[in-house]
C-alpha cells in the first residue's frame, strides 16, 4: 500500500463469512435458502421451501436471529425474516455453488406458485426472476410477459420495458420453432409499443426491426 493508505485487515465480507462459518450446518443451509428468496421472506415460504420439520426450522431460525444475521418482524406463524444487512444476503448468495443456486431458484419459484396460487398476480416479477435464474426460460418468459402487463396497467412503463426485454431474452434462448417465433414477434411488438408510450421512437424501432 502507498503511504497514507489504510490497511483494512478484514473486509466486511470476511466478517460475514466468518460469522456464517460458525453456524451449524442446518442453519447455514437455511441462510442460503433465504438468500436465494429475497432480502426478506415469510415463515410460510421458507417452511415450504426448506422441507424440514417445524421444530428444526424454528431452532435454526432462532440461531440465525441470535447470530444477528436475520431479524424477525410480525408474530409467528405470520412472521417475516429479514437479512439485517443487504450485504449479508449478497455475500451468502455469492457463496452458493452455481448448480445449487439454480436448483434453489427452481424450488423457490415452484414453492411461490403453490403457496400464493390464490394471488399469484402479486408475485409475477419475482417469479420471472426465479425461473430465469433457474434457466427455465419458458416460464421466465411467461412471467415476464405477465409482469410487463401488470406494470403497464399501473402506467409504469419503465418496469414494463424491463420485463419486455427480459421476455425477449428468455424467448431467444429457447429452441426455435413456429410457436417460439410467434411469441418473439409478439414480444418485440409489445416492447416497441411500451417504448412509444415513453416517446422513445428510436428504441421502439430497434425493438421491432429484428
N, C-alpha and C. Protein backbone atom coordinates (compact mmCIF):
# COMPACT_ATOMS: atom_id res chain seq x y z
N UNK A 1 0.83 -1.21 0.00
CA UNK A 1 0.00 0.00 0.00
C UNK A 1 0.87 1.26 0.00
N UNK A 2 0.41 2.31 -0.67
CA UNK A 2 1.15 3.59 -0.67
C UNK A 2 1.00 4.27 0.68
N UNK A 3 1.87 5.22 0.92
CA UNK A 3 1.83 5.93 2.20
C UNK A 3 0.47 6.63 2.36
N UNK A 4 -0.02 6.57 3.57
CA UNK A 4 -1.29 7.26 3.86
C UNK A 4 -2.52 6.40 3.57
N UNK A 5 -2.34 5.24 2.90
CA UNK A 5 -3.49 4.37 2.64
C UNK A 5 -3.70 3.48 3.85
N UNK A 6 -4.97 3.31 4.21
CA UNK A 6 -5.26 2.48 5.36
C UNK A 6 -5.26 1.01 4.96
N UNK A 7 -4.70 0.16 5.81
CA UNK A 7 -4.76 -1.27 5.53
C UNK A 7 -5.88 -1.84 6.39
N UNK A 8 -6.90 -2.37 5.73
CA UNK A 8 -8.03 -2.95 6.46
C UNK A 8 -7.83 -4.46 6.47
N UNK A 9 -7.47 -5.02 7.63
CA UNK A 9 -7.12 -6.44 7.65
C UNK A 9 -8.28 -7.37 7.30
N UNK A 10 -9.50 -7.00 7.70
CA UNK A 10 -10.60 -7.91 7.33
C UNK A 10 -11.76 -7.11 6.77
N UNK A 11 -12.17 -7.51 5.63
CA UNK A 11 -13.27 -6.80 4.97
C UNK A 11 -14.59 -7.20 5.61
N UNK A 12 -15.62 -6.44 5.31
CA UNK A 12 -16.96 -6.76 5.82
C UNK A 12 -17.35 -8.17 5.36
N UNK A 13 -16.96 -8.49 4.11
CA UNK A 13 -17.27 -9.81 3.55
C UNK A 13 -16.67 -10.92 4.40
N UNK A 14 -15.41 -10.74 4.82
CA UNK A 14 -14.75 -11.75 5.66
C UNK A 14 -15.47 -11.92 6.99
N UNK A 15 -15.91 -10.80 7.56
CA UNK A 15 -16.62 -10.84 8.84
C UNK A 15 -17.91 -11.65 8.69
N UNK A 16 -18.65 -11.37 7.61
CA UNK A 16 -19.92 -12.08 7.36
C UNK A 16 -19.65 -13.58 7.15
N UNK A 17 -18.64 -13.89 6.33
CA UNK A 17 -18.30 -15.29 6.06
C UNK A 17 -17.89 -16.01 7.35
N UNK A 18 -17.10 -15.33 8.18
CA UNK A 18 -16.64 -15.93 9.44
C UNK A 18 -17.83 -16.23 10.35
N UNK A 19 -18.77 -15.29 10.39
CA UNK A 19 -19.96 -15.48 11.22
C UNK A 19 -20.79 -16.65 10.68
N UNK A 20 -20.89 -16.73 9.36
CA UNK A 20 -21.62 -17.82 8.73
C UNK A 20 -20.96 -19.17 8.94
N UNK A 21 -19.63 -19.20 8.91
CA UNK A 21 -18.88 -20.45 9.08
C UNK A 21 -19.06 -21.07 10.45
N UNK A 22 -19.36 -20.23 11.43
CA UNK A 22 -19.53 -20.74 12.81
C UNK A 22 -20.90 -21.40 13.01
N UNK A 23 -21.78 -21.22 12.06
CA UNK A 23 -23.14 -21.74 12.21
C UNK A 23 -23.18 -23.26 12.03
N UNK A 24 -24.15 -23.92 12.71
CA UNK A 24 -24.35 -25.34 12.43
C UNK A 24 -24.81 -25.52 10.98
N UNK A 25 -24.55 -26.69 10.42
CA UNK A 25 -24.84 -26.96 9.00
C UNK A 25 -26.27 -26.61 8.61
N UNK A 26 -27.24 -27.00 9.44
CA UNK A 26 -28.66 -26.77 9.13
C UNK A 26 -28.99 -25.29 9.05
N UNK A 27 -28.43 -24.50 9.96
CA UNK A 27 -28.67 -23.05 9.97
C UNK A 27 -28.04 -22.41 8.74
N UNK A 28 -26.85 -22.91 8.38
CA UNK A 28 -26.13 -22.40 7.21
C UNK A 28 -26.96 -22.64 5.94
N UNK A 29 -27.50 -23.86 5.83
CA UNK A 29 -28.33 -24.24 4.68
C UNK A 29 -29.56 -23.34 4.60
N UNK A 30 -30.18 -23.09 5.76
CA UNK A 30 -31.38 -22.25 5.81
C UNK A 30 -31.07 -20.82 5.38
N UNK A 31 -29.92 -20.31 5.83
CA UNK A 31 -29.49 -18.96 5.47
C UNK A 31 -29.30 -18.85 3.94
N UNK A 32 -28.76 -19.91 3.35
CA UNK A 32 -28.56 -19.93 1.89
C UNK A 32 -29.91 -19.90 1.16
N UNK A 33 -30.86 -20.71 1.63
CA UNK A 33 -32.20 -20.72 1.00
C UNK A 33 -32.81 -19.33 1.10
N UNK A 34 -32.72 -18.73 2.28
CA UNK A 34 -33.24 -17.37 2.48
C UNK A 34 -32.61 -16.37 1.53
N UNK A 35 -31.30 -16.48 1.34
CA UNK A 35 -30.59 -15.51 0.47
C UNK A 35 -31.04 -15.63 -0.98
N UNK A 36 -31.50 -16.81 -1.38
CA UNK A 36 -31.98 -17.01 -2.76
C UNK A 36 -33.38 -16.44 -2.91
N UNK A 37 -34.17 -16.46 -1.83
CA UNK A 37 -35.55 -15.95 -1.94
C UNK A 37 -35.54 -14.45 -2.22
N UNK A 38 -35.09 -13.67 -1.24
CA UNK A 38 -35.06 -12.20 -1.35
C UNK A 38 -34.45 -11.68 -0.07
N UNK A 39 -34.32 -10.36 0.04
CA UNK A 39 -33.78 -9.81 1.30
C UNK A 39 -34.72 -10.14 2.47
N UNK A 40 -36.03 -10.26 2.19
CA UNK A 40 -36.94 -10.70 3.25
C UNK A 40 -37.83 -11.83 2.74
N UNK A 41 -38.20 -12.70 3.65
CA UNK A 41 -39.02 -13.86 3.26
C UNK A 41 -39.94 -14.24 4.41
N UNK A 42 -41.09 -14.79 4.07
CA UNK A 42 -42.06 -15.16 5.10
C UNK A 42 -41.70 -16.51 5.70
N UNK A 43 -42.21 -16.72 6.92
CA UNK A 43 -42.00 -18.01 7.59
C UNK A 43 -42.61 -19.13 6.75
N UNK A 44 -43.82 -18.88 6.21
CA UNK A 44 -44.51 -19.92 5.43
C UNK A 44 -43.70 -20.33 4.21
N UNK A 45 -43.10 -19.35 3.56
CA UNK A 45 -42.34 -19.65 2.33
C UNK A 45 -41.08 -20.45 2.65
N UNK A 46 -40.34 -20.06 3.67
CA UNK A 46 -39.09 -20.79 3.99
C UNK A 46 -39.43 -22.18 4.52
N UNK A 47 -40.58 -22.30 5.17
CA UNK A 47 -41.01 -23.62 5.69
C UNK A 47 -41.25 -24.58 4.53
N UNK A 48 -41.99 -24.12 3.53
CA UNK A 48 -42.27 -24.97 2.37
C UNK A 48 -41.02 -25.25 1.54
N UNK A 49 -40.19 -24.23 1.39
CA UNK A 49 -39.01 -24.37 0.53
C UNK A 49 -37.93 -25.25 1.17
N UNK A 50 -37.83 -25.20 2.51
CA UNK A 50 -36.75 -25.95 3.16
C UNK A 50 -37.12 -27.42 3.42
N UNK A 51 -38.42 -27.70 3.52
CA UNK A 51 -38.92 -29.07 3.73
C UNK A 51 -38.30 -29.73 4.96
N UNK A 52 -38.11 -28.97 6.04
CA UNK A 52 -37.65 -29.59 7.29
C UNK A 52 -38.74 -29.45 8.34
N UNK A 53 -38.62 -30.22 9.43
CA UNK A 53 -39.67 -30.20 10.45
C UNK A 53 -39.76 -28.81 11.08
N UNK A 54 -40.97 -28.52 11.58
CA UNK A 54 -41.22 -27.20 12.18
C UNK A 54 -40.26 -26.92 13.35
N UNK A 55 -40.05 -27.96 14.17
CA UNK A 55 -39.19 -27.83 15.34
C UNK A 55 -37.75 -27.46 14.93
N UNK A 56 -37.25 -28.18 13.92
CA UNK A 56 -35.90 -27.93 13.42
C UNK A 56 -35.80 -26.52 12.82
N UNK A 57 -36.82 -26.18 12.02
CA UNK A 57 -36.85 -24.87 11.35
C UNK A 57 -36.80 -23.73 12.37
N UNK A 58 -37.64 -23.81 13.39
CA UNK A 58 -37.67 -22.76 14.41
C UNK A 58 -36.35 -22.68 15.17
N UNK A 59 -35.73 -23.84 15.38
CA UNK A 59 -34.45 -23.89 16.08
C UNK A 59 -33.36 -23.19 15.26
N UNK A 60 -33.30 -23.48 13.93
CA UNK A 60 -32.29 -22.85 13.06
C UNK A 60 -32.55 -21.34 12.92
N UNK A 61 -33.82 -20.98 12.79
CA UNK A 61 -34.15 -19.56 12.67
C UNK A 61 -33.76 -18.79 13.93
N UNK A 62 -33.94 -19.44 15.08
CA UNK A 62 -33.59 -18.83 16.35
C UNK A 62 -32.07 -18.59 16.42
N UNK A 63 -31.28 -19.56 15.93
CA UNK A 63 -29.82 -19.41 15.89
C UNK A 63 -29.43 -18.25 14.97
N UNK A 64 -30.11 -18.14 13.83
CA UNK A 64 -29.79 -17.07 12.87
C UNK A 64 -30.15 -15.69 13.43
N UNK A 65 -31.19 -15.65 14.24
CA UNK A 65 -31.55 -14.37 14.89
C UNK A 65 -30.52 -14.02 15.96
N UNK A 66 -30.12 -15.04 16.75
CA UNK A 66 -29.13 -14.81 17.82
C UNK A 66 -27.79 -14.37 17.25
N UNK A 67 -27.47 -14.88 16.05
CA UNK A 67 -26.18 -14.51 15.45
C UNK A 67 -26.27 -13.14 14.76
N UNK A 68 -27.46 -12.54 14.83
CA UNK A 68 -27.72 -11.21 14.28
C UNK A 68 -27.53 -11.12 12.77
N UNK A 69 -27.79 -12.23 12.08
CA UNK A 69 -27.75 -12.21 10.61
C UNK A 69 -29.15 -11.89 10.08
N UNK A 70 -30.16 -12.34 10.81
CA UNK A 70 -31.56 -12.07 10.44
C UNK A 70 -32.27 -11.40 11.61
N UNK A 71 -33.33 -10.65 11.30
CA UNK A 71 -34.23 -10.26 12.39
C UNK A 71 -35.65 -10.59 11.96
N UNK A 72 -36.52 -10.69 12.95
CA UNK A 72 -37.89 -11.16 12.72
C UNK A 72 -38.87 -10.02 12.90
N UNK A 73 -39.87 -10.01 12.03
CA UNK A 73 -40.92 -9.00 12.14
C UNK A 73 -42.27 -9.73 12.13
N UNK A 74 -43.19 -9.28 12.95
CA UNK A 74 -44.51 -9.93 12.97
C UNK A 74 -44.54 -11.09 13.95
N UNK A 75 -45.69 -11.73 14.01
CA UNK A 75 -45.90 -12.79 15.01
C UNK A 75 -46.06 -14.14 14.32
N UNK A 76 -45.31 -15.13 14.83
CA UNK A 76 -45.36 -16.50 14.30
C UNK A 76 -46.81 -16.98 14.29
N UNK A 77 -47.30 -17.70 13.28
CA UNK A 77 -46.60 -18.15 12.06
C UNK A 77 -46.70 -17.14 10.89
N UNK A 78 -47.15 -15.93 11.18
CA UNK A 78 -47.26 -14.93 10.10
C UNK A 78 -46.01 -14.04 10.03
N UNK A 79 -44.93 -14.52 10.64
CA UNK A 79 -43.73 -13.68 10.72
C UNK A 79 -42.95 -13.63 9.41
N UNK A 80 -42.15 -12.59 9.31
CA UNK A 80 -41.26 -12.37 8.17
C UNK A 80 -39.84 -12.25 8.71
N UNK A 81 -38.90 -12.83 7.97
CA UNK A 81 -37.49 -12.74 8.37
C UNK A 81 -36.76 -11.86 7.37
N UNK A 82 -35.88 -11.02 7.90
CA UNK A 82 -35.19 -10.04 7.04
C UNK A 82 -33.68 -10.12 7.32
N UNK A 83 -32.89 -10.11 6.25
CA UNK A 83 -31.45 -10.03 6.42
C UNK A 83 -31.13 -8.66 7.01
N UNK A 84 -30.39 -8.67 8.11
CA UNK A 84 -30.10 -7.43 8.81
C UNK A 84 -29.42 -6.42 7.88
N UNK A 85 -28.54 -6.91 7.03
CA UNK A 85 -27.86 -6.05 6.06
C UNK A 85 -27.99 -6.66 4.67
N UNK A 86 -28.24 -5.81 3.68
CA UNK A 86 -28.36 -6.30 2.29
C UNK A 86 -27.07 -7.01 1.89
N UNK A 87 -25.94 -6.53 2.40
CA UNK A 87 -24.65 -7.13 2.06
C UNK A 87 -24.55 -8.58 2.54
N UNK A 88 -25.18 -8.87 3.69
CA UNK A 88 -25.17 -10.25 4.21
C UNK A 88 -25.84 -11.18 3.20
N UNK A 89 -27.00 -10.76 2.73
CA UNK A 89 -27.71 -11.58 1.74
C UNK A 89 -26.82 -11.80 0.51
N UNK A 90 -26.17 -10.74 0.05
CA UNK A 90 -25.33 -10.79 -1.15
C UNK A 90 -24.16 -11.77 -0.98
N UNK A 91 -23.46 -11.64 0.16
CA UNK A 91 -22.29 -12.49 0.43
C UNK A 91 -22.69 -13.96 0.53
N UNK A 92 -23.79 -14.22 1.24
CA UNK A 92 -24.26 -15.61 1.39
C UNK A 92 -24.66 -16.16 0.02
N UNK A 93 -25.40 -15.36 -0.74
CA UNK A 93 -25.85 -15.79 -2.08
C UNK A 93 -24.66 -16.12 -2.98
N UNK A 94 -23.64 -15.23 -2.95
CA UNK A 94 -22.46 -15.43 -3.80
C UNK A 94 -21.65 -16.67 -3.41
N UNK A 95 -21.83 -17.13 -2.17
CA UNK A 95 -21.04 -18.28 -1.72
C UNK A 95 -21.66 -19.62 -2.15
N UNK A 96 -22.86 -19.58 -2.70
CA UNK A 96 -23.54 -20.84 -3.10
C UNK A 96 -23.03 -21.28 -4.46
N UNK A 97 -22.79 -22.58 -4.61
CA UNK A 97 -22.32 -23.11 -5.89
C UNK A 97 -23.38 -22.91 -6.97
N UNK A 98 -22.94 -22.65 -8.19
CA UNK A 98 -23.85 -22.30 -9.30
C UNK A 98 -24.97 -23.32 -9.49
N UNK A 99 -24.61 -24.60 -9.48
CA UNK A 99 -25.64 -25.63 -9.74
C UNK A 99 -26.68 -25.64 -8.63
N UNK A 100 -26.20 -25.52 -7.40
CA UNK A 100 -27.10 -25.48 -6.24
C UNK A 100 -28.01 -24.26 -6.31
N UNK A 101 -27.44 -23.13 -6.74
CA UNK A 101 -28.20 -21.89 -6.88
C UNK A 101 -29.38 -22.10 -7.83
N UNK A 102 -29.09 -22.72 -8.97
CA UNK A 102 -30.12 -22.99 -9.98
C UNK A 102 -31.24 -23.85 -9.40
N UNK A 103 -30.84 -24.90 -8.66
CA UNK A 103 -31.83 -25.80 -8.04
C UNK A 103 -32.71 -25.03 -7.05
N UNK A 104 -32.07 -24.17 -6.25
CA UNK A 104 -32.83 -23.41 -5.25
C UNK A 104 -33.79 -22.41 -5.89
N UNK A 105 -33.35 -21.74 -6.95
CA UNK A 105 -34.25 -20.81 -7.65
C UNK A 105 -35.48 -21.55 -8.20
N UNK A 106 -35.24 -22.73 -8.75
CA UNK A 106 -36.34 -23.54 -9.30
C UNK A 106 -37.31 -23.93 -8.18
N UNK A 107 -36.74 -24.44 -7.08
CA UNK A 107 -37.54 -24.89 -5.94
C UNK A 107 -38.36 -23.72 -5.38
N UNK A 108 -37.75 -22.57 -5.25
CA UNK A 108 -38.44 -21.40 -4.67
C UNK A 108 -39.52 -20.90 -5.61
N UNK A 109 -39.24 -20.88 -6.92
CA UNK A 109 -40.25 -20.49 -7.91
C UNK A 109 -41.48 -21.39 -7.81
N UNK A 110 -41.25 -22.70 -7.74
CA UNK A 110 -42.36 -23.66 -7.64
C UNK A 110 -43.11 -23.51 -6.31
N UNK A 111 -42.36 -23.22 -5.24
CA UNK A 111 -42.99 -23.05 -3.92
C UNK A 111 -43.88 -21.81 -3.91
N UNK A 112 -43.41 -20.72 -4.51
CA UNK A 112 -44.22 -19.48 -4.58
C UNK A 112 -45.50 -19.76 -5.37
N UNK A 113 -45.38 -20.51 -6.46
CA UNK A 113 -46.57 -20.84 -7.27
C UNK A 113 -47.62 -21.58 -6.43
N UNK A 114 -47.16 -22.51 -5.60
CA UNK A 114 -48.10 -23.30 -4.77
C UNK A 114 -48.66 -22.45 -3.64
N UNK A 115 -47.75 -21.76 -2.96
CA UNK A 115 -48.14 -21.03 -1.75
C UNK A 115 -49.07 -19.85 -2.03
N UNK A 116 -48.84 -19.19 -3.15
CA UNK A 116 -49.61 -17.97 -3.44
C UNK A 116 -50.51 -18.11 -4.66
N UNK A 117 -50.98 -19.34 -4.92
CA UNK A 117 -51.77 -19.53 -6.16
C UNK A 117 -53.04 -18.67 -6.18
N UNK A 118 -53.56 -18.33 -5.01
CA UNK A 118 -54.77 -17.51 -4.94
C UNK A 118 -54.52 -16.06 -5.39
N UNK A 119 -53.29 -15.57 -5.15
CA UNK A 119 -53.00 -14.17 -5.53
C UNK A 119 -51.65 -14.10 -6.25
N UNK A 120 -51.51 -14.96 -7.24
CA UNK A 120 -50.24 -15.09 -7.96
C UNK A 120 -49.82 -13.79 -8.65
N UNK A 121 -50.81 -12.97 -9.03
CA UNK A 121 -50.51 -11.72 -9.75
C UNK A 121 -49.59 -10.79 -8.95
N UNK A 122 -49.61 -10.95 -7.63
CA UNK A 122 -48.75 -10.10 -6.80
C UNK A 122 -47.27 -10.52 -6.88
N UNK A 123 -47.03 -11.68 -7.48
CA UNK A 123 -45.67 -12.26 -7.44
C UNK A 123 -45.08 -12.50 -8.84
N UNK A 124 -45.71 -11.95 -9.89
CA UNK A 124 -45.21 -12.20 -11.25
C UNK A 124 -43.73 -11.82 -11.43
N UNK A 125 -43.36 -10.65 -10.91
CA UNK A 125 -42.00 -10.16 -11.10
C UNK A 125 -40.97 -11.08 -10.47
N UNK A 126 -41.22 -11.46 -9.21
CA UNK A 126 -40.25 -12.31 -8.50
C UNK A 126 -40.22 -13.71 -9.12
N UNK A 127 -41.37 -14.19 -9.60
CA UNK A 127 -41.41 -15.50 -10.27
C UNK A 127 -40.59 -15.47 -11.56
N UNK A 128 -40.69 -14.37 -12.30
CA UNK A 128 -39.89 -14.23 -13.53
C UNK A 128 -38.41 -14.36 -13.17
N UNK A 129 -37.98 -13.66 -12.11
CA UNK A 129 -36.56 -13.68 -11.70
C UNK A 129 -36.11 -15.09 -11.32
N UNK A 130 -36.94 -15.79 -10.52
CA UNK A 130 -36.55 -17.13 -10.07
C UNK A 130 -36.44 -18.11 -11.24
N UNK A 131 -37.41 -18.06 -12.16
CA UNK A 131 -37.37 -19.02 -13.27
C UNK A 131 -36.26 -18.68 -14.27
N UNK A 132 -35.97 -17.40 -14.46
CA UNK A 132 -34.85 -17.02 -15.33
C UNK A 132 -33.54 -17.52 -14.70
N UNK A 133 -33.40 -17.33 -13.40
CA UNK A 133 -32.17 -17.76 -12.70
C UNK A 133 -32.03 -19.28 -12.66
N UNK A 134 -33.16 -19.99 -12.76
CA UNK A 134 -33.06 -21.47 -12.78
C UNK A 134 -32.95 -21.99 -14.22
N UNK A 135 -32.87 -21.03 -15.16
CA UNK A 135 -32.74 -21.32 -16.60
C UNK A 135 -33.95 -22.05 -17.19
N UNK A 136 -35.11 -21.85 -16.54
CA UNK A 136 -36.36 -22.32 -17.14
C UNK A 136 -36.91 -21.11 -17.91
N UNK A 137 -36.42 -20.97 -19.15
CA UNK A 137 -36.69 -19.75 -19.91
C UNK A 137 -38.13 -19.67 -20.41
N UNK A 138 -38.78 -20.81 -20.52
CA UNK A 138 -40.19 -20.81 -20.95
C UNK A 138 -41.06 -20.13 -19.88
N UNK A 139 -40.87 -20.58 -18.62
CA UNK A 139 -41.65 -19.98 -17.52
C UNK A 139 -41.17 -18.55 -17.27
N UNK A 140 -39.87 -18.32 -17.42
CA UNK A 140 -39.32 -16.98 -17.24
C UNK A 140 -39.96 -16.00 -18.21
N UNK A 141 -40.15 -16.44 -19.47
CA UNK A 141 -40.76 -15.59 -20.50
C UNK A 141 -42.22 -15.31 -20.16
N UNK A 142 -42.92 -16.36 -19.72
CA UNK A 142 -44.35 -16.22 -19.41
C UNK A 142 -44.57 -15.24 -18.26
N UNK A 143 -43.79 -15.39 -17.19
CA UNK A 143 -43.96 -14.49 -16.04
C UNK A 143 -43.46 -13.07 -16.35
N UNK A 144 -42.47 -12.94 -17.22
CA UNK A 144 -42.01 -11.60 -17.64
C UNK A 144 -43.12 -10.89 -18.40
N UNK A 145 -43.83 -11.67 -19.24
CA UNK A 145 -44.94 -11.11 -20.01
C UNK A 145 -46.03 -10.61 -19.06
N UNK A 146 -46.38 -11.44 -18.07
CA UNK A 146 -47.42 -11.07 -17.12
C UNK A 146 -46.99 -9.89 -16.24
N UNK A 147 -45.72 -9.88 -15.84
CA UNK A 147 -45.21 -8.77 -15.02
C UNK A 147 -45.20 -7.48 -15.83
N UNK A 148 -44.90 -7.57 -17.12
CA UNK A 148 -44.91 -6.41 -18.01
C UNK A 148 -46.31 -5.83 -18.14
N UNK A 149 -47.30 -6.72 -18.32
CA UNK A 149 -48.70 -6.27 -18.45
C UNK A 149 -49.17 -5.60 -17.16
N UNK A 150 -48.75 -6.19 -16.05
CA UNK A 150 -49.14 -5.63 -14.75
C UNK A 150 -48.55 -4.23 -14.58
N UNK A 151 -47.28 -4.07 -14.97
CA UNK A 151 -46.62 -2.75 -14.88
C UNK A 151 -47.31 -1.75 -15.81
N UNK A 152 -47.70 -2.23 -16.99
CA UNK A 152 -48.38 -1.35 -17.98
C UNK A 152 -49.69 -0.82 -17.42
N UNK A 153 -50.42 -1.70 -16.71
CA UNK A 153 -51.72 -1.29 -16.14
C UNK A 153 -51.57 -0.15 -15.15
N UNK A 154 -50.42 -0.10 -14.46
CA UNK A 154 -50.21 0.97 -13.48
C UNK A 154 -49.42 2.12 -14.12
N UNK A 155 -49.30 2.08 -15.45
CA UNK A 155 -48.57 3.10 -16.23
C UNK A 155 -47.09 3.20 -15.83
N UNK A 156 -46.56 2.07 -15.34
CA UNK A 156 -45.13 2.03 -15.01
C UNK A 156 -44.39 1.47 -16.23
N UNK A 157 -44.15 2.35 -17.21
CA UNK A 157 -43.58 1.85 -18.48
C UNK A 157 -42.10 1.50 -18.37
N UNK A 158 -41.41 2.06 -17.39
CA UNK A 158 -40.00 1.68 -17.19
C UNK A 158 -39.96 0.21 -16.76
N UNK A 159 -40.85 -0.16 -15.83
CA UNK A 159 -40.96 -1.56 -15.40
C UNK A 159 -41.40 -2.46 -16.54
N UNK A 160 -42.39 -2.00 -17.30
CA UNK A 160 -42.91 -2.79 -18.43
C UNK A 160 -41.81 -3.06 -19.45
N UNK A 161 -40.99 -2.03 -19.73
CA UNK A 161 -39.88 -2.17 -20.68
C UNK A 161 -38.87 -3.19 -20.16
N UNK A 162 -38.53 -3.10 -18.88
CA UNK A 162 -37.54 -4.03 -18.29
C UNK A 162 -38.01 -5.47 -18.44
N UNK A 163 -39.30 -5.72 -18.15
CA UNK A 163 -39.82 -7.09 -18.29
C UNK A 163 -39.97 -7.48 -19.75
N UNK A 164 -40.27 -6.50 -20.61
CA UNK A 164 -40.34 -6.78 -22.05
C UNK A 164 -39.00 -7.26 -22.58
N UNK A 165 -37.92 -6.61 -22.14
CA UNK A 165 -36.56 -7.00 -22.53
C UNK A 165 -36.24 -8.41 -22.02
N UNK A 166 -36.62 -8.67 -20.77
CA UNK A 166 -36.36 -9.99 -20.17
C UNK A 166 -37.11 -11.09 -20.92
N UNK A 167 -38.35 -10.77 -21.30
CA UNK A 167 -39.16 -11.76 -22.03
C UNK A 167 -38.49 -12.14 -23.35
N UNK A 168 -38.03 -11.14 -24.10
CA UNK A 168 -37.36 -11.40 -25.38
C UNK A 168 -36.09 -12.21 -25.15
N UNK A 169 -35.32 -11.82 -24.16
CA UNK A 169 -34.08 -12.52 -23.83
C UNK A 169 -34.35 -14.01 -23.53
N UNK A 170 -35.43 -14.30 -22.79
CA UNK A 170 -35.81 -15.69 -22.49
C UNK A 170 -36.20 -16.43 -23.75
N UNK A 171 -37.08 -15.81 -24.54
CA UNK A 171 -37.59 -16.48 -25.75
C UNK A 171 -36.47 -16.79 -26.73
N UNK A 172 -35.50 -15.91 -26.80
CA UNK A 172 -34.40 -16.11 -27.75
C UNK A 172 -33.43 -17.20 -27.30
N UNK A 173 -33.60 -17.67 -26.06
CA UNK A 173 -32.76 -18.78 -25.57
C UNK A 173 -33.44 -20.13 -25.80
N UNK A 174 -34.70 -20.11 -26.24
CA UNK A 174 -35.44 -21.36 -26.46
C UNK A 174 -35.17 -21.92 -27.86
N UNK A 175 -35.29 -23.26 -28.03
CA UNK A 175 -35.15 -23.84 -29.37
C UNK A 175 -36.20 -23.21 -30.30
N UNK A 176 -35.78 -22.81 -31.47
CA UNK A 176 -36.68 -22.06 -32.37
C UNK A 176 -37.66 -23.01 -33.07
N UNK A 177 -38.94 -22.69 -32.96
CA UNK A 177 -39.98 -23.33 -33.77
C UNK A 177 -41.03 -22.25 -34.06
N UNK A 178 -42.08 -22.62 -34.78
CA UNK A 178 -43.10 -21.63 -35.17
C UNK A 178 -43.72 -20.91 -33.96
N UNK A 179 -43.99 -21.72 -32.92
CA UNK A 179 -44.63 -21.18 -31.72
C UNK A 179 -43.73 -20.12 -31.07
N UNK A 180 -42.46 -20.44 -30.93
CA UNK A 180 -41.50 -19.51 -30.29
C UNK A 180 -41.33 -18.27 -31.16
N UNK A 181 -41.27 -18.46 -32.48
CA UNK A 181 -41.13 -17.31 -33.39
C UNK A 181 -42.30 -16.34 -33.25
N UNK A 182 -43.52 -16.92 -33.16
CA UNK A 182 -44.72 -16.08 -32.97
C UNK A 182 -44.62 -15.28 -31.68
N UNK A 183 -44.15 -15.96 -30.62
CA UNK A 183 -44.03 -15.29 -29.31
C UNK A 183 -42.99 -14.17 -29.37
N UNK A 184 -41.89 -14.40 -30.11
CA UNK A 184 -40.84 -13.37 -30.22
C UNK A 184 -41.39 -12.15 -30.96
N UNK A 185 -42.16 -12.40 -32.03
CA UNK A 185 -42.76 -11.28 -32.80
C UNK A 185 -43.70 -10.50 -31.88
N UNK A 186 -44.51 -11.23 -31.12
CA UNK A 186 -45.44 -10.58 -30.19
C UNK A 186 -44.67 -9.77 -29.14
N UNK A 187 -43.63 -10.38 -28.56
CA UNK A 187 -42.85 -9.73 -27.50
C UNK A 187 -42.17 -8.46 -28.02
N UNK A 188 -41.63 -8.52 -29.24
CA UNK A 188 -40.94 -7.34 -29.80
C UNK A 188 -41.96 -6.24 -30.14
N UNK A 189 -43.13 -6.61 -30.62
CA UNK A 189 -44.18 -5.63 -30.92
C UNK A 189 -44.63 -4.92 -29.64
N UNK A 190 -44.87 -5.74 -28.59
CA UNK A 190 -45.31 -5.19 -27.31
C UNK A 190 -44.23 -4.25 -26.74
N UNK A 191 -42.97 -4.68 -26.81
CA UNK A 191 -41.88 -3.84 -26.31
C UNK A 191 -41.80 -2.52 -27.09
N UNK A 192 -41.98 -2.60 -28.41
CA UNK A 192 -42.00 -1.40 -29.25
C UNK A 192 -43.08 -0.43 -28.81
N UNK A 193 -44.25 -0.98 -28.47
CA UNK A 193 -45.36 -0.13 -28.02
C UNK A 193 -45.06 0.51 -26.66
N UNK A 194 -44.40 -0.26 -25.77
CA UNK A 194 -44.02 0.31 -24.47
C UNK A 194 -43.08 1.49 -24.69
N UNK A 195 -42.12 1.33 -25.61
CA UNK A 195 -41.17 2.41 -25.89
C UNK A 195 -41.89 3.64 -26.46
N UNK A 196 -42.90 3.38 -27.32
CA UNK A 196 -43.65 4.51 -27.91
C UNK A 196 -44.40 5.30 -26.84
N UNK A 197 -44.89 4.56 -25.83
CA UNK A 197 -45.59 5.24 -24.72
C UNK A 197 -44.65 6.22 -24.01
N UNK A 198 -43.35 5.92 -24.06
CA UNK A 198 -42.37 6.79 -23.41
C UNK A 198 -41.76 7.79 -24.41
N UNK A 199 -42.34 7.84 -25.62
CA UNK A 199 -41.85 8.72 -26.70
C UNK A 199 -40.42 8.37 -27.14
N UNK A 200 -40.03 7.11 -26.96
CA UNK A 200 -38.68 6.68 -27.34
C UNK A 200 -38.77 5.98 -28.70
N UNK A 201 -38.87 6.78 -29.77
CA UNK A 201 -39.13 6.22 -31.10
C UNK A 201 -37.94 5.43 -31.64
N UNK A 202 -36.72 5.86 -31.36
CA UNK A 202 -35.53 5.15 -31.85
C UNK A 202 -35.49 3.75 -31.24
N UNK A 203 -35.72 3.68 -29.91
CA UNK A 203 -35.72 2.40 -29.22
C UNK A 203 -36.87 1.50 -29.69
N UNK A 204 -38.03 2.14 -29.95
CA UNK A 204 -39.19 1.38 -30.44
C UNK A 204 -38.87 0.72 -31.78
N UNK A 205 -38.24 1.48 -32.67
CA UNK A 205 -37.86 0.95 -33.98
C UNK A 205 -36.86 -0.20 -33.82
N UNK A 206 -35.88 -0.01 -32.94
CA UNK A 206 -34.86 -1.04 -32.71
C UNK A 206 -35.47 -2.33 -32.15
N UNK A 207 -36.53 -2.17 -31.32
CA UNK A 207 -37.19 -3.35 -30.74
C UNK A 207 -37.94 -4.14 -31.80
N UNK A 208 -38.58 -3.44 -32.71
CA UNK A 208 -39.45 -4.10 -33.69
C UNK A 208 -38.69 -4.57 -34.92
N UNK A 209 -37.63 -3.86 -35.29
CA UNK A 209 -36.92 -4.12 -36.54
C UNK A 209 -36.49 -5.58 -36.76
N UNK A 210 -35.91 -6.25 -35.73
CA UNK A 210 -35.48 -7.64 -35.99
C UNK A 210 -36.58 -8.55 -36.47
